[in-house]
Every structure is written in structure tokens, then in C-alpha cells.
Amino acid sequence: MAYVVTQNCCNDATCVAVCPVDCIHPTPEEREYASAEMLYIDPGACIDCGACAEVCPVDAIVPDDMLSAEQRRYPEINLEYFAHGSRPPAEDPRMPSLPILSGGAREARTLRVAIVGSGPAACYAAEELLTRSDIAARVTMLERLPVAGGLVRFGVAPDHWRTRDVGRVFDRTARRDGFALYLGVDVGVDITVSELLAHHHAVVYASGASGDRRLGIEGERLPGSHAAREFVAWYNGHPDHASRVFDLSGPRAVVVGNGNVALDVARMLVSGPETLSRTDIADHALTTLTDSAVEEVIVLGRRGAEHAAWTTPELLALGSLPGIDVCVDGAVAAGDSAKLRILSEYAARRITPGNKRIVLRFGCTPLEIVGADRVEGIRVTDATADAEELIDCGLVLRAIGYRGEPVADLPYDEASGTVTNLAGRVVGGHGPIPGVYVAGWIKRGATGVIGTNRYCAAESVARLVDDFHDGLLAEPEPAPDLFRGLLRSRRPEMLDASDWRAIDRYERAAGWAAGRPRVKVVDPAVAREIARAARA
């Protein structure tokens, strides 16, 4: 028996560290890790010790004799990675590995760091700071919203509840000595960057990517044309997007894009209430999607099938959705890759009368979104037919990439949508800006999966700690408690870590009563009231 990595893989790579026989790849030290869609276990080398499964934060690793029907393809996918020589040979150049520190005495000085954001990159940065053996650290995490989680809470599709389990890692971080969390504090509005630096040695921005890329075509601003990012935030209960309205009264929607987000929104548009009601989808979205008239979602890829950016697990999972047919418009050669083989299998499937449909089309370039007062269709050019076509639809969602927004007073790279940096150090016109760092999507762009942020954050923290040891960081205000008092004077209604745990318990209890993982609190005022009640 061997263990197998399945769909939920978050690329956290905790499993790599505990494997005694080096059978899980790519490792973070291998070049391929940065672009890997998941990790793989070599069945010929696995010794069935189960160490990887015990530490996996999202329960993605399963013995091959306990796979469900939907997971039966994964032994083949794991084997294929090694059979095709995907693992770099030992003599290949590798990415520089991050220092692994153990033992040794801590310095007498305590490093104080403020982290802006509460998503994966922020939490991995906090964990790295609080567990290093070469420093003693205090971490202050600041989040604009009254709830924590970032991408884990607001970006992961509700039906991927196991992926959300990576939050267990962050729960552990939040309970460590030296960690403080403040919710409902908007950096740049309630407190300035200079004030943060006056009370901390350094600030790490891990604010993610809150913008999106545009198609740049006529009609893109018509009602009924939206960024997929907005739709994802809406169904996940982001307070900034809860009041948005999406017209689902038409029978067809079009999603432009060929990544995992495109598949997520397509899946959500046609999933039935029996599926959605078992998830933590926001209640307002559950009601709207239950009443949806959408029967067909066309997913448009501007290039050929071989260039699709979605991962193999996400594509494979489409085929087991109840009451939904996955169709491929046009012939697809099987090819050598697992993705092309799966697409060719979908292309050969028969349509089931009465089922809803996800239609995958390739080689279609959007030319114009048409409509008088709202979206009525999208005009495309089809490379295979060398002709233009008007696709009737009432909703267009563009899923062509998230994009970081400028951060006040920090240098910004317009082309990449990131804060200008070198390996996490923010760089201005005269070199590194002392005490200011970035991690996550605002550092590297909207690439990778949740676990990719672990090593991205560790790289930034390594640079920060180097600068601390080298005496490059200014000493902060000597009394740490003064900072909390300053925040409370500016934001009397701010919440802390104990408040967040109370909100989390409330959501989970409401979910348990409803047969769901949790029922999300969407209204900030309600979140604050729950916290106040728990304190009483």
C-alpha cells in the first residue's frame, strides 16, 4: 500500500518535511515547486509510514486502498509525475533553500513586527517569526475587516471545504505567545505607516490582490458584466460585496478564462441547492443561486486546450458533479498530459437530458460585450472556425486574473500589480526602504496556491531577520502596550483575537445546527455584537 496526494493539496509542503524517504515532490528546494499545481508521492518509494497524512492540514493524503470513487484517478496522476521524469535530477540547479534553524540561544532583544492582512501569507509570516530559534519575536496582525482569514475565507470555493481546513494551521499561530490580532483597523486610515514603524521594528504588507484584470473590450462596463473576483467575494460573504446584485434570470452565462477561478464560478452557477446547502456559502448567495435560472455556463478559453491554466484536480472534479454534464465544444486530441486526456473523455461523453451543463470552449477571443442597457451577449472570434459568433447570454464573468492594488506611500509596479521589492524587501528609488517588507500576492503577483505563500513568506521573513541582526532596523517605542492603547483610541470598536474566536465559535455552532460547516456572519455590526456578547 502507498499513500496518494489527492485534489485538496494546498502545496503547504509540511508533508515534505516529515517524509523519511524523500518520496514527495517537488520539494520547495526544487525549481518546479514554484509552478507545481500539486505535490506527488512516488508509489515506488513510499514506505507506508503515514507521517505525511498525519501532518497534512487539508486531509489531502489518503492510503491508496481507502480512495473514494472520485479519487480513483489519483494513483495514476501521482505515478505519471515520476514516470515522465518530472522530478529534477539531483545534479540540476536548485532554488536557494531557506535556512532551517534549530537550537541556539535567542537574542536578548525582542523583534517586534506588524503584519498588515490576515490571509495565508500574513499567517505564514507570523508563524515563521514566532517559531524561529534565532530571535524572540512579538507579532501584531492588523486586519481591516472584523473577521480574519483573507483568501482562505473569501477566495476558496464553498464546496472545497477541506481546502479551508488549512485554517487550522493559522488557529495554532493565533494562540502562540507574542501574537496579537486587531480586527477592524484600516492601516492608512486609522493608523499611519510611520506610526506602525514607531512601535515596531518592521512592517510586513501581506494585503493580497484586491483588483482584477480587464478584457479591454467594448461593453465591459454594462450591467451584467462583472469580475469573477467580485462574484467569488459575494458568494463567500465578503462584507464589501455582500450587497452586490448578480442577475441570474437568464438561461446562459459566459465565463471568460481558463483557470481554477473560472471553473469555481462555473461550478457554483450550476450547482443545485442540495449541494450548496451543505457548504458555508453566504446565506444571501445560497438564496439567489437556489432561485437561479442558469442552465448552461460556457467557459471560454482564448487559447487552445493545451494552454489551459486550471489544475488537473480541478478539471477532474468537474466530471463527478451530480446533475451536471461537462461538455467540450470541439474535438480535443488526447495528447500526453492528464488534462488533455480528461478533456478528451469529457468530449466523448453523452449528454443527459435534464442536466445542467458546463461547456468548455477553446480558441475564442472576446471582441465585444453587447446589449442596450445590460448584457445580452458576447461577440467572439473562433480561431477554429475562423469566424465571428455572437453568444447569447445574460451574464459575463471575466476570470482572467487577480491584480494587486497600489499601497499608500509604497512604490508600485504597474505592469505586475505588485509593490516593488527584491525577495520581499520593499525597494524605492534609492534602494531598500528600511523596515518595510511584503509577502504573498502583493509581493509576487496572483500566482500559486495557498501553500505557496508559506515559502514566499519565509523568504521575506528571512530578509527581515537578516536586517534585524545587521542593525538596519530602527528601535521602536519601548513600551509595546502603548500601541494597543493608540489603536483603541482611534478605533474603540476594534476586535481582538479572543473576539475572533467568539465569532468563529458562533459561526460553527450555527453551522452545526444547520448541517453545514459554518454559517458566516457577513454584517460587521453583527460580528461586533457577537464579540460584545461573548465578553459580557
Protein backbone atom coordinates (compact mmCIF):
# COMPACT_ATOMS: atom_id res chain seq x y z
CA MET A 1 0.00 0.00 0.00
CA ALA A 2 1.16 3.55 -0.75
CA TYR A 3 -0.20 6.97 0.15
CA VAL A 4 -1.61 9.23 -2.55
CA VAL A 5 -1.95 13.01 -2.80
CA THR A 6 -5.49 13.95 -3.94
CA GLN A 7 -7.44 17.02 -5.04
CA ASN A 8 -7.28 19.07 -1.84
CA CYS A 9 -3.48 19.52 -1.97
CA CYS A 10 -2.57 23.04 -0.84
CA ASN A 11 1.20 22.81 -1.61
CA ASP A 12 1.94 23.73 2.00
CA ALA A 13 4.75 21.11 1.86
CA THR A 14 4.50 20.24 5.56
CA CYS A 15 4.40 16.65 4.31
CA VAL A 16 7.79 17.02 2.61
CA ALA A 17 9.48 17.88 5.89
CA VAL A 18 8.30 14.72 7.68
CA CYS A 19 8.78 12.16 4.88
CA PRO A 20 11.65 9.88 5.96
CA VAL A 21 12.41 8.60 2.44
CA ASP A 22 12.17 11.77 0.34
CA CYS A 23 9.32 10.45 -1.80
CA ILE A 24 7.18 13.62 -2.01
CA HIS A 25 7.98 16.07 -4.80
CA PRO A 26 8.50 18.73 -5.92
CA THR A 27 10.04 19.99 -2.73
CA PRO A 28 10.34 23.75 -2.05
CA GLU A 29 14.05 23.50 -2.90
CA GLU A 30 13.31 22.22 -6.42
CA ARG A 31 12.70 24.72 -9.20
CA GLU A 32 9.46 23.06 -10.25
CA TYR A 33 7.82 23.76 -6.89
CA ALA A 34 7.07 27.40 -7.74
CA SER A 35 4.80 26.39 -10.64
CA ALA A 36 3.53 23.00 -9.40
CA GLU A 37 -0.24 22.55 -9.31
CA MET A 38 0.06 19.99 -6.51
CA LEU A 39 2.58 17.69 -4.82
CA TYR A 40 3.03 14.00 -5.67
CA ILE A 41 4.06 10.83 -3.82
CA ASP A 42 6.33 8.34 -5.58
CA PRO A 43 4.50 4.99 -5.14
CA GLY A 44 7.70 3.06 -5.67
CA ALA A 45 9.49 4.84 -2.83
CA CYS A 46 6.63 5.28 -0.31
CA ILE A 47 7.11 3.06 2.77
CA ASP A 48 3.53 3.45 4.06
CA CYS A 49 4.55 5.17 7.28
CA GLY A 50 1.64 7.63 7.17
CA ALA A 51 3.66 10.56 8.55
CA CYS A 52 2.61 12.78 5.64
CA ALA A 53 -1.10 12.08 6.16
CA GLU A 54 -0.84 12.92 9.86
CA VAL A 55 0.51 16.42 9.24
CA CYS A 56 -1.45 17.34 6.11
CA PRO A 57 -3.54 20.41 7.08
CA VAL A 58 -6.24 19.73 4.46
CA ASP A 59 -6.52 15.90 4.62
CA ALA A 60 -5.36 15.56 1.01
CA ILE A 61 -3.19 12.46 1.57
CA VAL A 62 -5.00 9.12 1.58
CA PRO A 63 -3.90 5.44 1.56
CA ASP A 64 -4.45 4.01 -1.91
CA ASP A 65 -6.79 1.34 -0.55
CA MET A 66 -9.09 3.96 1.02
CA LEU A 67 -9.67 6.18 -2.02
CA SER A 68 -13.24 7.18 -2.80
CA ALA A 69 -14.72 6.66 -6.26
CA GLU A 70 -13.94 10.29 -7.14
CA GLN A 71 -10.30 9.81 -6.08
CA ARG A 72 -9.55 6.65 -8.08
CA ARG A 73 -7.66 8.61 -10.73
CA TYR A 74 -5.07 10.00 -8.33
CA PRO A 75 -2.69 6.99 -8.13
CA GLU A 76 -2.30 7.36 -11.90
CA ILE A 77 -1.74 11.12 -11.61
CA ASN A 78 0.89 10.65 -8.87
CA LEU A 79 2.66 7.90 -10.81
CA GLU A 80 2.62 9.91 -14.05
CA TYR A 81 4.62 12.72 -12.44
CA PHE A 82 7.52 10.35 -11.73
CA ALA A 83 7.12 8.13 -14.80
CA HIS A 84 7.59 11.09 -17.14
CA GLY A 85 10.72 12.23 -15.38
CA SER A 86 9.15 15.37 -13.97
CA ARG A 87 11.32 15.26 -10.87
CA PRO A 88 14.55 17.20 -11.48
CA PRO A 89 17.67 15.03 -11.29
CA ALA A 90 19.92 15.54 -8.30
CA GLU A 91 22.55 17.45 -10.28
CA ASP A 92 20.05 20.04 -11.56
CA PRO A 93 20.40 23.58 -10.21
CA ARG A 94 18.00 24.21 -7.36
CA MET A 95 16.31 27.21 -5.87
CA PRO A 96 18.24 28.56 -2.89
CA SER A 97 16.87 26.82 0.17
CA LEU A 98 15.75 28.83 3.15
CA PRO A 99 17.75 28.40 6.35
CA ILE A 100 16.40 25.81 8.76
CA LEU A 101 17.35 26.95 12.23
CA SER A 102 17.25 24.90 15.36
CA GLY A 103 18.74 25.16 18.81
CA GLY A 104 20.83 28.07 19.93
CA ALA A 105 20.02 30.85 22.34
CA ARG A 106 17.61 33.63 21.48
CA GLU A 107 18.84 37.20 21.38
CA ALA A 108 18.13 39.41 24.35
CA ARG A 109 16.34 41.91 22.13
CA THR A 110 12.80 41.14 21.00
CA LEU A 111 11.94 41.74 17.36
CA ARG A 112 8.57 43.49 17.01
CA VAL A 113 6.79 43.19 13.67
CA ALA A 114 3.44 44.50 12.42
CA ILE A 115 1.76 42.42 9.69
CA VAL A 116 -0.93 44.05 7.56
CA GLY A 117 -3.51 41.46 6.46
CA SER A 118 -4.79 38.17 7.91
CA GLY A 119 -4.72 35.81 4.93
CA PRO A 120 -2.37 32.89 4.24
CA ALA A 121 0.76 34.96 3.54
CA ALA A 122 0.20 37.03 6.68
CA CYS A 123 -0.35 33.96 8.85
CA TYR A 124 2.61 32.05 7.43
CA ALA A 125 4.81 35.12 8.05
CA ALA A 126 3.59 35.29 11.66
CA GLU A 127 4.22 31.57 12.18
CA GLU A 128 7.72 31.87 10.76
CA LEU A 129 8.57 34.82 13.01
CA LEU A 130 7.18 33.20 16.16
CA THR A 131 8.88 29.82 15.68
CA ARG A 132 12.40 30.79 14.60
CA SER A 133 15.10 29.83 17.08
CA ASP A 134 17.43 32.75 16.38
CA ILE A 135 15.11 35.50 17.62
CA ALA A 136 12.41 36.27 20.13
CA ALA A 137 9.53 37.96 18.34
CA ARG A 138 6.26 39.76 19.01
CA VAL A 139 3.81 39.97 16.11
CA THR A 140 0.94 42.41 15.72
CA MET A 141 -1.50 41.45 12.94
CA LEU A 142 -3.86 44.15 11.64
CA GLU A 143 -6.94 43.41 9.51
CA ARG A 144 -9.33 45.98 8.03
CA LEU A 145 -12.34 43.63 8.25
CA PRO A 146 -13.97 42.47 11.51
CA VAL A 147 -13.20 38.85 10.57
CA ALA A 148 -9.91 37.12 9.78
CA GLY A 149 -8.87 34.68 7.06
CA GLY A 150 -8.30 36.57 3.83
CA LEU A 151 -8.14 34.24 0.83
CA VAL A 152 -8.97 31.15 2.90
CA ARG A 153 -12.29 32.65 3.96
CA PHE A 154 -13.17 34.75 0.92
CA GLY A 155 -11.38 33.10 -2.02
CA VAL A 156 -11.77 29.32 -1.66
CA ALA A 157 -14.98 27.95 -3.18
CA PRO A 158 -17.54 26.87 -0.53
CA ASP A 159 -17.72 23.30 -1.86
CA HIS A 160 -13.94 22.95 -1.31
CA TRP A 161 -14.39 22.86 2.45
CA ARG A 162 -11.37 20.63 3.01
CA THR A 163 -9.11 23.28 1.50
CA ARG A 164 -10.43 25.71 4.10
CA ASP A 165 -9.11 23.34 6.77
CA VAL A 166 -5.68 24.90 6.24
CA GLY A 167 -7.09 27.49 8.64
CA ARG A 168 -6.24 25.06 11.45
CA VAL A 169 -2.59 25.98 10.93
CA PHE A 170 -3.47 29.64 11.42
CA ASP A 171 -5.51 28.90 14.55
CA ARG A 172 -2.34 27.48 16.08
CA THR A 173 -0.39 30.63 15.19
CA ALA A 174 -3.03 32.87 16.75
CA ARG A 175 -2.58 31.12 20.12
CA ARG A 176 1.19 31.50 20.30
CA ASP A 177 2.84 33.70 22.89
CA GLY A 178 3.76 37.06 21.45
CA PHE A 179 0.89 37.19 18.93
CA ALA A 180 -1.73 39.94 18.90
CA LEU A 181 -4.60 40.32 16.41
CA TYR A 182 -6.58 43.51 15.85
CA LEU A 183 -9.61 43.42 13.55
CA GLY A 184 -11.47 46.38 12.10
CA VAL A 185 -8.32 48.51 11.82
CA ASP A 186 -7.62 50.10 8.44
CA VAL A 187 -3.91 50.83 8.01
CA GLY A 188 -3.52 54.13 6.20
CA VAL A 189 -6.83 55.41 7.57
CA ASP A 190 -6.96 54.60 11.28
CA ILE A 191 -3.21 54.50 11.72
CA THR A 192 -0.31 55.59 9.53
CA VAL A 193 2.66 53.55 8.36
CA SER A 194 5.02 55.88 10.22
CA GLU A 195 3.06 55.20 13.42
CA LEU A 196 3.37 51.45 12.82
CA LEU A 197 7.11 51.80 12.41
CA ALA A 198 7.34 53.94 15.53
CA HIS A 199 6.02 50.98 17.55
CA HIS A 200 7.65 48.10 15.59
CA HIS A 201 11.00 47.27 14.07
CA ALA A 202 9.33 46.38 10.77
CA VAL A 203 6.05 46.18 8.86
CA VAL A 204 5.13 43.33 6.51
CA TYR A 205 2.39 44.03 4.00
CA ALA A 206 0.50 40.85 3.11
CA SER A 207 -2.60 42.55 1.76
CA GLY A 208 -3.19 40.27 -1.22
CA ALA A 209 -4.62 41.28 -4.60
CA SER A 210 -7.94 43.10 -4.37
CA GLY A 211 -8.17 44.16 -8.02
CA ASP A 212 -8.65 42.29 -11.27
CA ARG A 213 -7.54 42.36 -14.87
CA ARG A 214 -9.84 43.66 -17.61
CA LEU A 215 -10.59 42.40 -21.10
CA GLY A 216 -10.32 45.89 -22.58
CA ILE A 217 -13.28 45.45 -24.95
CA GLU A 218 -16.41 47.46 -25.68
CA GLY A 219 -19.36 46.85 -23.36
CA GLU A 220 -17.26 45.57 -20.46
CA ARG A 221 -18.93 48.01 -18.06
CA LEU A 222 -22.50 47.07 -18.96
CA PRO A 223 -24.71 45.82 -16.10
CA GLY A 224 -24.36 42.05 -16.09
CA SER A 225 -20.62 42.16 -16.81
CA HIS A 226 -18.54 41.54 -13.69
CA ALA A 227 -15.16 40.40 -12.49
CA ALA A 228 -15.21 36.82 -11.25
CA ARG A 229 -13.37 38.15 -8.19
CA GLU A 230 -16.50 40.12 -7.24
CA PHE A 231 -18.73 37.07 -7.72
CA VAL A 232 -16.41 34.90 -5.60
CA ALA A 233 -16.34 37.52 -2.84
CA TRP A 234 -20.15 37.78 -2.99
CA TYR A 235 -20.88 34.08 -2.59
CA ASN A 236 -18.21 33.79 0.11
CA GLY A 237 -19.75 36.56 2.21
CA HIS A 238 -17.13 39.30 1.95
CA PRO A 239 -18.67 42.32 3.75
CA ASP A 240 -17.63 44.68 0.93
CA HIS A 241 -19.51 42.60 -1.66
CA ALA A 242 -22.49 41.16 0.20
CA SER A 243 -24.91 43.73 -1.22
CA ARG A 244 -23.92 43.19 -4.86
CA VAL A 245 -26.60 42.01 -7.28
CA PHE A 246 -25.99 39.39 -9.96
CA ASP A 247 -28.80 38.81 -12.45
CA LEU A 248 -29.21 35.04 -12.79
CA SER A 249 -32.56 35.22 -14.57
CA GLY A 250 -31.21 34.12 -17.97
CA PRO A 251 -30.55 30.50 -19.04
CA ARG A 252 -26.91 31.04 -20.07
CA ALA A 253 -23.83 32.65 -18.51
CA VAL A 254 -20.36 33.04 -20.02
CA VAL A 255 -17.12 32.87 -18.03
CA VAL A 256 -14.01 34.18 -19.78
CA GLY A 257 -10.88 32.46 -18.52
CA ASN A 258 -9.26 29.04 -18.24
CA GLY A 259 -8.01 28.92 -14.66
CA ASN A 260 -9.29 27.43 -11.42
CA VAL A 261 -11.35 30.54 -10.63
CA ALA A 262 -13.20 30.13 -13.94
CA LEU A 263 -14.09 26.56 -13.01
CA ASP A 264 -15.09 27.61 -9.48
CA VAL A 265 -17.60 30.20 -10.63
CA ALA A 266 -18.95 27.95 -13.38
CA ARG A 267 -19.49 25.18 -10.85
CA MET A 268 -21.21 27.49 -8.39
CA LEU A 269 -23.56 28.83 -11.08
CA VAL A 270 -24.97 25.39 -11.91
CA SER A 271 -24.69 23.55 -8.57
CA GLY A 272 -28.05 22.68 -7.06
CA PRO A 273 -29.30 23.63 -3.59
CA GLU A 274 -28.74 20.09 -2.33
CA THR A 275 -25.00 20.65 -2.92
CA LEU A 276 -24.72 24.30 -1.90
CA SER A 277 -26.79 23.93 1.28
CA ARG A 278 -24.10 21.61 2.72
CA THR A 279 -21.39 24.27 2.38
CA ASP A 280 -20.53 27.51 4.17
CA ILE A 281 -21.70 29.66 1.24
CA ALA A 282 -23.12 33.01 2.39
CA ASP A 283 -26.86 32.82 3.04
CA HIS A 284 -27.71 35.61 0.59
CA ALA A 285 -25.84 33.76 -2.18
CA LEU A 286 -27.47 30.45 -1.29
CA THR A 287 -30.91 32.03 -1.70
CA THR A 288 -30.05 33.70 -5.01
CA LEU A 289 -28.35 30.63 -6.52
CA THR A 290 -31.20 28.37 -5.40
CA ASP A 291 -33.57 30.56 -7.45
CA SER A 292 -31.15 30.84 -10.40
CA ALA A 293 -32.43 30.19 -13.93
CA VAL A 294 -28.93 29.49 -15.30
CA GLU A 295 -28.88 26.13 -17.09
CA GLU A 296 -25.65 26.44 -19.06
CA VAL A 297 -22.28 28.05 -18.41
CA ILE A 298 -19.85 28.45 -21.29
CA VAL A 299 -16.22 28.71 -20.18
CA LEU A 300 -14.23 30.49 -22.89
CA GLY A 301 -10.52 29.93 -23.31
CA ARG A 302 -8.75 32.39 -25.54
CA ARG A 303 -6.03 29.87 -26.39
CA GLY A 304 -6.06 26.16 -27.15
CA ALA A 305 -6.86 23.41 -24.66
CA GLU A 306 -3.17 22.61 -24.18
CA HIS A 307 -2.68 26.07 -22.65
CA ALA A 308 -5.49 25.87 -20.08
CA ALA A 309 -4.26 27.12 -16.69
CA TRP A 310 -6.61 25.15 -14.45
CA THR A 311 -5.10 22.33 -12.43
CA THR A 312 -5.68 18.67 -13.18
CA PRO A 313 -7.53 18.04 -9.86
CA GLU A 314 -9.97 20.91 -10.51
CA LEU A 315 -10.69 19.71 -14.05
CA LEU A 316 -11.07 16.10 -12.92
CA ALA A 317 -13.51 17.07 -10.15
CA LEU A 318 -15.95 18.57 -12.66
CA GLY A 319 -16.75 15.11 -14.00
CA SER A 320 -18.37 13.89 -10.78
CA LEU A 321 -20.77 16.78 -10.15
CA PRO A 322 -24.33 15.48 -9.65
CA GLY A 323 -26.85 16.59 -12.26
CA ILE A 324 -24.24 18.45 -14.33
CA ASP A 325 -22.82 17.49 -17.73
CA VAL A 326 -19.35 18.66 -18.68
CA CYS A 327 -19.15 19.21 -22.43
CA VAL A 328 -16.23 20.12 -24.68
CA ASP A 329 -17.14 22.18 -27.72
CA GLY A 330 -14.93 20.84 -30.50
CA ALA A 331 -12.51 17.96 -30.79
CA VAL A 332 -9.65 17.60 -28.34
CA ALA A 333 -6.75 15.28 -29.02
CA ALA A 334 -5.91 13.04 -26.07
CA GLY A 335 -2.26 14.14 -26.02
CA ASP A 336 0.32 13.19 -23.40
CA SER A 337 -0.93 15.24 -20.47
CA ALA A 338 -3.54 14.18 -17.91
CA LYS A 339 -5.52 17.36 -18.59
CA LEU A 340 -5.84 16.66 -22.30
CA ARG A 341 -6.83 13.05 -21.64
CA ILE A 342 -9.55 14.17 -19.23
CA LEU A 343 -10.83 16.72 -21.76
CA SER A 344 -10.97 14.09 -24.49
CA GLU A 345 -13.00 11.85 -22.16
CA TYR A 346 -15.42 14.70 -21.46
CA ALA A 347 -15.72 15.36 -25.21
CA ALA A 348 -16.79 11.74 -25.74
CA ARG A 349 -19.49 11.75 -23.05
CA ARG A 350 -23.17 11.70 -23.90
CA ILE A 351 -25.47 14.48 -22.78
CA THR A 352 -28.02 13.57 -20.10
CA PRO A 353 -31.44 15.14 -20.76
CA GLY A 354 -32.46 17.48 -17.96
CA ASN A 355 -28.91 18.05 -16.67
CA LYS A 356 -27.34 21.47 -16.41
CA ARG A 357 -24.18 22.00 -18.45
CA ILE A 358 -20.67 23.38 -18.21
CA VAL A 359 -19.35 23.84 -21.76
CA LEU A 360 -15.60 24.22 -22.26
CA ARG A 361 -14.62 26.11 -25.43
CA PHE A 362 -11.14 26.99 -26.65
CA GLY A 363 -9.63 29.37 -29.16
CA CYS A 364 -12.34 32.01 -28.60
CA THR A 365 -11.29 35.65 -28.28
CA PRO A 366 -13.89 38.08 -26.87
CA LEU A 367 -14.41 41.06 -29.15
CA GLU A 368 -17.35 42.90 -27.58
CA ILE A 369 -19.96 42.54 -24.88
CA VAL A 370 -23.24 43.57 -26.47
CA GLY A 371 -26.50 44.92 -25.07
CA ALA A 372 -28.61 48.06 -24.95
CA ASP A 373 -28.97 48.65 -21.20
CA ARG A 374 -27.41 45.44 -19.91
CA VAL A 375 -25.58 42.35 -21.14
CA GLU A 376 -27.40 40.49 -23.90
CA GLY A 377 -24.49 38.57 -25.38
CA ILE A 378 -20.79 38.43 -26.10
CA ARG A 379 -19.24 38.57 -29.58
CA VAL A 380 -16.22 36.34 -30.07
CA THR A 381 -13.92 35.25 -32.81
CA ASP A 382 -13.49 31.49 -33.04
CA ALA A 383 -10.00 30.53 -34.20
CA THR A 384 -11.06 27.01 -35.19
CA ALA A 385 -13.86 28.25 -37.47
CA ASP A 386 -12.07 31.49 -38.42
CA ALA A 387 -15.33 33.35 -37.92
CA GLU A 388 -17.12 35.69 -35.55
CA GLU A 389 -20.01 34.49 -33.39
CA LEU A 390 -22.50 36.13 -31.06
CA ILE A 391 -23.20 34.06 -27.94
CA ASP A 392 -26.48 34.98 -26.29
CA CYS A 393 -26.16 35.33 -22.51
CA GLY A 394 -27.32 37.49 -19.64
CA LEU A 395 -24.19 37.33 -17.50
CA VAL A 396 -20.48 37.63 -18.32
CA LEU A 397 -17.82 36.98 -15.68
CA ARG A 398 -14.17 37.66 -16.50
CA ALA A 399 -11.81 35.30 -14.71
CA ILE A 400 -8.53 36.39 -16.28
CA GLY A 401 -6.52 37.11 -13.17
CA TYR A 402 -6.46 38.97 -9.88
CA ARG A 403 -4.31 42.07 -9.59
CA GLY A 404 -2.71 43.84 -6.66
CA GLU A 405 -3.74 47.41 -5.92
CA PRO A 406 -1.29 50.22 -5.01
CA VAL A 407 -0.47 50.54 -1.29
CA ALA A 408 -0.33 54.10 0.02
CA ASP A 409 3.20 55.54 0.18
CA LEU A 410 4.85 52.41 -1.24
CA PRO A 411 6.44 52.05 -4.72
CA TYR A 412 4.16 50.18 -7.12
CA ASP A 413 4.94 48.23 -10.29
CA GLU A 414 2.04 48.94 -12.65
CA ALA A 415 2.97 46.14 -15.05
CA SER A 416 2.94 43.36 -12.44
CA GLY A 417 0.43 44.84 -10.00
CA THR A 418 2.85 44.39 -7.10
CA VAL A 419 4.72 46.54 -4.59
CA THR A 420 8.26 46.92 -5.93
CA ASN A 421 10.52 44.58 -3.97
CA LEU A 422 13.56 42.34 -4.01
CA ALA A 423 12.89 38.98 -2.32
CA GLY A 424 10.42 40.71 0.00
CA ARG A 425 12.35 43.88 0.79
CA VAL A 426 10.41 46.90 -0.49
CA VAL A 427 12.65 48.93 -2.80
CA GLY A 428 12.30 52.62 -3.65
CA GLY A 429 14.32 54.91 -5.87
CA HIS A 430 17.34 54.81 -3.55
CA GLY A 431 17.32 51.16 -2.61
CA PRO A 432 15.54 49.16 0.12
CA ILE A 433 13.14 51.12 2.33
CA PRO A 434 14.21 50.34 5.92
CA GLY A 435 11.74 48.27 7.90
CA VAL A 436 9.18 47.70 5.12
CA TYR A 437 8.55 44.25 3.57
CA VAL A 438 5.91 42.40 1.54
CA ALA A 439 4.69 38.81 1.29
CA GLY A 440 2.09 36.95 -0.77
CA TRP A 441 0.29 38.19 -3.87
CA ILE A 442 1.19 41.84 -3.32
CA LYS A 443 4.83 40.68 -3.42
CA ARG A 444 4.88 38.19 -6.30
CA GLY A 445 1.56 38.62 -8.13
CA ALA A 446 -1.55 36.42 -8.03
CA THR A 447 0.17 33.10 -8.63
CA GLY A 448 0.35 29.78 -6.83
CA VAL A 449 -1.99 28.20 -4.31
CA ILE A 450 -2.46 28.68 -0.58
CA GLY A 451 0.60 26.70 0.47
CA THR A 452 2.86 28.59 -1.94
CA ASN A 453 2.58 31.51 0.46
CA ARG A 454 4.41 29.56 3.14
CA TYR A 455 7.76 29.74 1.37
CA CYS A 456 7.07 33.18 -0.07
CA ALA A 457 6.51 34.48 3.47
CA ALA A 458 9.53 32.61 4.83
CA GLU A 459 11.76 34.28 2.23
CA SER A 460 10.54 37.73 3.26
CA VAL A 461 10.94 36.96 6.96
CA ALA A 462 14.48 35.69 6.36
CA ARG A 463 15.40 39.06 4.81
CA LEU A 464 13.71 40.91 7.67
CA VAL A 465 15.57 38.91 10.32
CA ASP A 466 18.87 39.43 8.48
CA ASP A 467 18.27 43.18 8.57
CA PHE A 468 17.42 42.99 12.29
CA HIS A 469 20.65 41.13 13.08
CA ASP A 470 22.63 43.58 10.93
CA GLY A 471 21.28 46.55 12.89
CA LEU A 472 19.42 48.03 9.91
CA LEU A 473 16.04 48.38 11.67
CA ALA A 474 15.30 51.38 13.87
CA GLU A 475 14.46 50.69 17.50
CA PRO A 476 10.71 51.21 18.20
CA GLU A 477 8.84 52.83 21.07
CA PRO A 478 9.98 50.81 24.12
CA ALA A 479 6.54 50.12 25.62
CA PRO A 480 4.59 47.64 23.40
CA ASP A 481 1.31 48.14 25.30
CA LEU A 482 1.17 51.78 24.21
CA PHE A 483 0.35 50.61 20.68
CA ARG A 484 -2.83 48.83 21.75
CA GLY A 485 -3.90 51.97 23.60
CA LEU A 486 -3.27 54.06 20.49
CA LEU A 487 -5.40 51.69 18.36
CA ARG A 488 -8.20 51.66 20.91
CA SER A 489 -8.29 55.46 20.98
CA ARG A 490 -8.63 55.54 17.18
CA ARG A 491 -10.95 52.53 16.79
CA PRO A 492 -12.89 51.91 20.03
CA GLU A 493 -14.92 49.19 18.31
CA MET A 494 -11.90 47.17 17.13
CA LEU A 495 -11.86 43.43 17.90
CA ASP A 496 -9.02 41.21 19.07
CA ALA A 497 -8.10 37.52 18.90
CA SER A 498 -10.49 36.47 21.68
CA ASP A 499 -13.31 38.31 19.89
CA TRP A 500 -12.47 36.49 16.66
CA ARG A 501 -12.57 33.13 18.44
CA ALA A 502 -16.03 34.03 19.77
CA ILE A 503 -17.24 34.86 16.24
CA ASP A 504 -15.71 31.64 14.92
CA ARG A 505 -17.45 29.58 17.63
CA TYR A 506 -20.76 31.30 16.85
CA GLU A 507 -20.46 30.54 13.12
CA ARG A 508 -19.53 26.91 13.71
CA ALA A 509 -22.37 26.40 16.18
CA ALA A 510 -24.86 27.90 13.72
CA GLY A 511 -23.43 25.64 11.03
CA TRP A 512 -23.71 22.54 13.20
CA ALA A 513 -27.39 23.29 13.83
CA ALA A 514 -27.97 23.66 10.07
CA GLY A 515 -25.88 20.67 8.96
CA ARG A 516 -23.21 22.92 7.44
CA PRO A 517 -19.51 23.59 8.23
CA ARG A 518 -20.41 27.10 9.41
CA VAL A 519 -22.92 29.88 8.78
CA LYS A 520 -20.92 33.00 8.04
CA VAL A 521 -21.50 36.31 9.73
CA VAL A 522 -21.47 38.85 6.91
CA ASP A 523 -22.58 42.08 8.61
CA PRO A 524 -19.70 43.80 10.50
CA ALA A 525 -22.17 45.18 13.07
CA VAL A 526 -23.42 41.67 13.83
CA ALA A 527 -19.83 40.43 14.20
CA ARG A 528 -19.09 43.16 16.74
CA GLU A 529 -22.31 42.39 18.64
CA ILE A 530 -21.39 38.69 18.89
CA ALA A 531 -17.99 39.68 20.26
CA ARG A 532 -19.53 42.07 22.82
CA ALA A 533 -21.99 39.41 23.97
CA ALA A 534 -19.16 36.90 24.47
CA ARG A 535 -17.24 39.38 26.64
CA ALA A 536 -20.23 40.03 28.90
